[in-house]
Amino acid sequence: MSPQTETKASVGFKAGVKEYKLTYY
């Protein structure tokens, strides 16, 4: 996995967690 892809996945994951917290908390 290239660093660029890993970074994109990390950013997407963090955004998903943020959405999850906003929705359920």
PDB file of N, CA and C in Angstrom:
ATOM      1  N   MET A   1       0.849  -1.202   0.000  1.00  0.00           N
ATOM      2  CA  MET A   1       0.000   0.000   0.000  1.00  0.00           C
ATOM      3  C   MET A   1       0.882   1.248   0.000  1.00  0.00           C
ATOM      4  N   SER A   2       0.607   2.151  -0.905  1.00  0.00           N
ATOM      5  CA  SER A   2       1.410   3.374  -0.996  1.00  0.00           C
ATOM      6  C   SER A   2       1.024   4.335   0.126  1.00  0.00           C
ATOM      7  N   PRO A   3       1.961   5.170   0.560  1.00  0.00           N
ATOM      8  CA  PRO A   3       1.679   6.136   1.632  1.00  0.00           C
ATOM      9  C   PRO A   3       0.497   7.039   1.305  1.00  0.00           C
ATOM     10  N   GLN A   4       0.364   7.403   0.026  1.00  0.00           N
ATOM     11  CA  GLN A   4      -0.732   8.296  -0.371  1.00  0.00           C
ATOM     12  C   GLN A   4      -2.085   7.618  -0.111  1.00  0.00           C
ATOM     13  N   THR A   5      -2.172   6.353  -0.503  1.00  0.00           N
ATOM     14  CA  THR A   5      -3.421   5.616  -0.302  1.00  0.00           C
ATOM     15  C   THR A   5      -3.687   5.441   1.182  1.00  0.00           C
ATOM     16  N   GLU A   6      -2.630   5.155   1.934  1.00  0.00           N
ATOM     17  CA  GLU A   6      -2.775   4.946   3.377  1.00  0.00           C
ATOM     18  C   GLU A   6      -3.284   6.223   4.036  1.00  0.00           C
ATOM     19  N   THR A   7      -2.749   7.353   3.588  1.00  0.00           N
ATOM     20  CA  THR A   7      -3.160   8.639   4.154  1.00  0.00           C
ATOM     21  C   THR A   7      -4.633   8.904   3.842  1.00  0.00           C
ATOM     22  N   LYS A   8      -5.023   8.638   2.604  1.00  0.00           N
ATOM     23  CA  LYS A   8      -6.422   8.859   2.213  1.00  0.00           C
ATOM     24  C   LYS A   8      -7.345   7.991   3.055  1.00  0.00           C
ATOM     25  N   ALA A   9      -6.937   6.742   3.271  1.00  0.00           N
ATOM     26  CA  ALA A   9      -7.753   5.833   4.073  1.00  0.00           C
ATOM     27  C   ALA A   9      -7.838   6.333   5.506  1.00  0.00           C
ATOM     28  N   SER A  10      -6.722   6.834   6.025  1.00  0.00           N
ATOM     29  CA  SER A  10      -6.694   7.337   7.402  1.00  0.00           C
ATOM     30  C   SER A  10      -7.618   8.537   7.537  1.00  0.00           C
ATOM     31  N   VAL A  11      -7.557   9.445   6.580  1.00  0.00           N
ATOM     32  CA  VAL A  11      -8.411  10.637   6.612  1.00  0.00           C
ATOM     33  C   VAL A  11      -9.880  10.226   6.518  1.00  0.00           C
ATOM     34  N   GLY A  12     -10.171   9.289   5.640  1.00  0.00           N
ATOM     35  CA  GLY A  12     -11.543   8.819   5.477  1.00  0.00           C
ATOM     36  C   GLY A  12     -12.048   8.160   6.748  1.00  0.00           C
ATOM     37  N   PHE A  13     -11.163   7.384   7.384  1.00  0.00           N
ATOM     38  CA  PHE A  13     -11.537   6.706   8.621  1.00  0.00           C
ATOM     39  C   PHE A  13     -11.842   7.721   9.719  1.00  0.00           C
ATOM     40  N   LYS A  14     -10.983   8.721   9.850  1.00  0.00           N
ATOM     41  CA  LYS A  14     -11.190   9.757  10.870  1.00  0.00           C
ATOM     42  C   LYS A  14     -12.489  10.506  10.610  1.00  0.00           C
ATOM     43  N   ALA A  15     -12.770  10.782   9.346  1.00  0.00           N
ATOM     44  CA  ALA A  15     -14.005  11.480   8.995  1.00  0.00           C
ATOM     45  C   ALA A  15     -15.204  10.601   9.357  1.00  0.00           C
ATOM     46  N   GLY A  16     -15.077   9.306   9.121  1.00  0.00           N
ATOM     47  CA  GLY A  16     -16.154   8.374   9.446  1.00  0.00           C
ATOM     48  C   GLY A  16     -16.405   8.336  10.941  1.00  0.00           C
ATOM     49  N   VAL A  17     -15.322   8.345  11.722  1.00  0.00           N
ATOM     50  CA  VAL A  17     -15.454   8.327  13.178  1.00  0.00           C
ATOM     51  C   VAL A  17     -16.129   9.606  13.649  1.00  0.00           C
ATOM     52  N   LYS A  18     -15.763  10.718  13.043  1.00  0.00           N
ATOM     53  CA  LYS A  18     -16.361  12.006  13.401  1.00  0.00           C
ATOM     54  C   LYS A  18     -17.863  11.968  13.118  1.00  0.00           C
ATOM     55  N   GLU A  19     -18.240  11.449  11.967  1.00  0.00           N
ATOM     56  CA  GLU A  19     -19.655  11.339  11.609  1.00  0.00           C
ATOM     57  C   GLU A  19     -20.379  10.429  12.597  1.00  0.00           C
ATOM     58  N   TYR A  20     -19.714   9.335  12.966  1.00  0.00           N
ATOM     59  CA  TYR A  20     -20.305   8.373  13.895  1.00  0.00           C
ATOM     60  C   TYR A  20     -20.583   9.035  15.236  1.00  0.00           C
ATOM     61  N   LYS A  21     -19.614   9.793  15.735  1.00  0.00           N
ATOM     62  CA  LYS A  21     -19.779  10.464  17.028  1.00  0.00           C
ATOM     63  C   LYS A  21     -20.884  11.509  16.948  1.00  0.00           C
ATOM     64  N   LEU A  22     -20.944  12.238  15.841  1.00  0.00           N
ATOM     65  CA  LEU A  22     -21.983  13.261  15.691  1.00  0.00           C
ATOM     66  C   LEU A  22     -23.367  12.612  15.655  1.00  0.00           C
ATOM     67  N   THR A  23     -23.435  11.421  15.063  1.00  0.00           N
ATOM     68  CA  THR A  23     -24.723  10.752  14.912  1.00  0.00           C
ATOM     69  C   THR A  23     -25.169  10.081  16.202  1.00  0.00           C
ATOM     70  N   TYR A  24     -24.247   9.403  16.894  1.00  0.00           N
ATOM     71  CA  TYR A  24     -24.627   8.595  18.046  1.00  0.00           C
ATOM     72  C   TYR A  24     -24.325   9.255  19.379  1.00  0.00           C
ATOM     73  N   TYR A  25     -23.560  10.352  19.347  1.00  0.00           N
ATOM     74  CA  TYR A  25     -23.279  11.080  20.586  1.00  0.00           C
ATOM     75  C   TYR A  25     -23.656  12.521  20.382  1.00  0.00           C
TER      76      TYR A  25
END
